[in-house]
């Protein structure tokens, strides 16, 4: 079964997955892909212009109290899980790599929390 990604907008930062989601495996893969795209947005956010809408505007709205209601306190455990994953999978992981991840994620996480 082919899976096609269709851009949502000209920025290329959104995607629609065009496939039959009846399969639990395909649904899980689609969910993982969307989570990866959201994480990518957090990583590129610091290098984006501070204009609205930003690469995180839709994600922040979706995670806000008006939709999924993901409280700001849950971002710290998310970062810790992400850092633990990097540590497990990066043979060159070091305190400098960890610091770089934290510093890169901080502006995007602050943006998301502020829009809760």
Protein backbone atom coordinates (compact mmCIF):
# COMPACT_ATOMS: atom_id res chain seq x y z
CA UNK A 1 0.00 0.00 0.00
CA UNK A 2 1.68 3.28 -1.05
CA UNK A 3 1.81 6.12 1.43
CA UNK A 4 2.00 9.61 -0.03
CA UNK A 5 2.82 12.79 1.87
CA UNK A 6 0.98 15.84 0.60
CA UNK A 7 2.15 19.30 1.75
CA UNK A 8 -0.44 21.29 3.69
CA UNK A 9 1.05 24.63 2.73
CA UNK A 10 3.87 26.23 0.79
CA UNK A 11 6.20 26.10 3.80
CA UNK A 12 6.31 22.33 3.56
CA UNK A 13 6.05 22.06 7.32
CA UNK A 14 2.72 20.29 7.36
CA UNK A 15 1.74 17.08 5.70
CA UNK A 16 -1.30 14.97 5.06
CA UNK A 17 -0.77 11.27 4.82
CA UNK A 18 -2.78 9.88 1.91
CA UNK A 19 -3.30 6.17 2.54
CA UNK A 20 -5.80 3.67 3.88
CA UNK A 21 -5.53 3.99 7.67
CA UNK A 22 -7.54 0.85 8.33
CA UNK A 23 -4.33 -0.97 9.16
CA UNK A 24 -3.20 -0.47 12.76
CA UNK A 25 0.43 -0.68 11.62
CA UNK A 26 -0.01 2.08 9.03
CA UNK A 27 -1.86 4.20 11.59
CA UNK A 28 1.01 3.76 14.08
CA UNK A 29 3.55 4.72 11.41
CA UNK A 30 1.52 7.78 10.46
CA UNK A 31 1.32 8.83 14.12
CA UNK A 32 5.07 8.38 14.56
CA UNK A 33 5.71 10.45 11.44
CA UNK A 34 3.52 13.30 12.67
CA UNK A 35 5.31 13.26 16.06
CA UNK A 36 8.65 13.42 14.24
CA UNK A 37 7.44 16.40 12.18
CA UNK A 38 6.39 18.22 15.37
CA UNK A 39 9.80 17.53 16.95
CA UNK A 40 11.47 18.82 13.77
CA UNK A 41 9.54 22.06 14.14
CA UNK A 42 10.86 22.46 17.69
CA UNK A 43 14.40 21.98 16.40
CA UNK A 44 14.15 24.52 13.57
CA UNK A 45 12.15 27.10 15.53
CA UNK A 46 15.20 28.96 16.94
CA UNK A 47 16.42 29.74 13.40
CA UNK A 48 13.07 31.05 12.14
CA UNK A 49 11.92 34.65 11.98
CA UNK A 50 9.86 35.66 15.01
CA UNK A 51 6.73 36.38 13.01
CA UNK A 52 3.26 34.91 13.22
CA UNK A 53 2.23 32.48 12.13
CA UNK A 54 5.39 30.60 13.06
CA UNK A 55 6.33 27.00 12.28
CA UNK A 56 4.85 26.13 15.70
CA UNK A 57 1.62 28.15 15.60
CA UNK A 58 -0.68 25.26 14.62
CA UNK A 59 1.10 22.79 16.89
CA UNK A 60 0.84 25.20 19.83
CA UNK A 61 -2.86 25.75 19.21
CA UNK A 62 -3.47 22.00 18.97
CA UNK A 63 -1.60 21.37 22.24
CA UNK A 64 -3.28 24.29 24.07
CA UNK A 65 -6.08 24.11 26.65
CA UNK A 66 -8.48 24.83 23.77
CA UNK A 67 -7.79 21.46 22.13
CA UNK A 68 -5.60 18.62 23.47
CA UNK A 69 -5.01 20.44 26.79
CA UNK A 70 -1.38 19.39 27.24
CA UNK A 71 -0.25 21.29 30.34
CA UNK A 72 3.05 23.20 30.26
CA UNK A 73 4.41 20.98 33.05
CA UNK A 74 4.51 18.01 30.65
CA UNK A 75 7.15 19.60 28.44
CA UNK A 76 9.96 18.94 30.95
CA UNK A 77 9.36 15.14 30.96
CA UNK A 78 9.11 15.28 27.15
CA UNK A 79 12.55 16.92 26.95
CA UNK A 80 14.01 14.39 29.41
CA UNK A 81 12.62 11.51 27.32
CA UNK A 82 14.00 13.02 24.14
CA UNK A 83 17.45 13.54 25.71
CA UNK A 84 17.41 9.95 27.02
CA UNK A 85 16.58 8.71 23.51
CA UNK A 86 19.43 10.72 22.00
CA UNK A 87 21.80 9.40 24.67
CA UNK A 88 20.80 5.78 23.93
CA UNK A 89 21.14 6.17 20.17
CA UNK A 90 24.05 8.56 19.66
CA UNK A 91 27.44 6.91 20.27
CA UNK A 92 29.01 10.39 20.38
CA UNK A 93 26.62 11.67 23.05
CA UNK A 94 28.33 14.00 25.53
CA UNK A 95 27.45 16.78 27.94
CA UNK A 96 28.06 19.23 25.06
CA UNK A 97 25.59 17.35 22.83
CA UNK A 98 23.03 17.31 25.64
CA UNK A 99 23.49 21.04 26.23
CA UNK A 100 23.06 21.72 22.49
CA UNK A 101 19.79 19.75 22.42
CA UNK A 102 18.45 21.56 25.48
CA UNK A 103 19.45 25.00 24.17
CA UNK A 104 17.92 24.25 20.77
CA UNK A 105 14.62 22.98 22.20
CA UNK A 106 14.23 25.75 24.82
CA UNK A 107 12.82 28.54 22.58
CA UNK A 108 10.24 26.27 20.94
CA UNK A 109 9.15 24.77 24.25
CA UNK A 110 8.84 28.27 25.76
CA UNK A 111 6.69 29.28 22.76
CA UNK A 112 4.43 26.26 23.19
CA UNK A 113 4.09 26.83 26.95
CA UNK A 114 3.30 30.52 26.50
CA UNK A 115 0.46 29.69 24.15
CA UNK A 116 -1.15 27.11 26.43
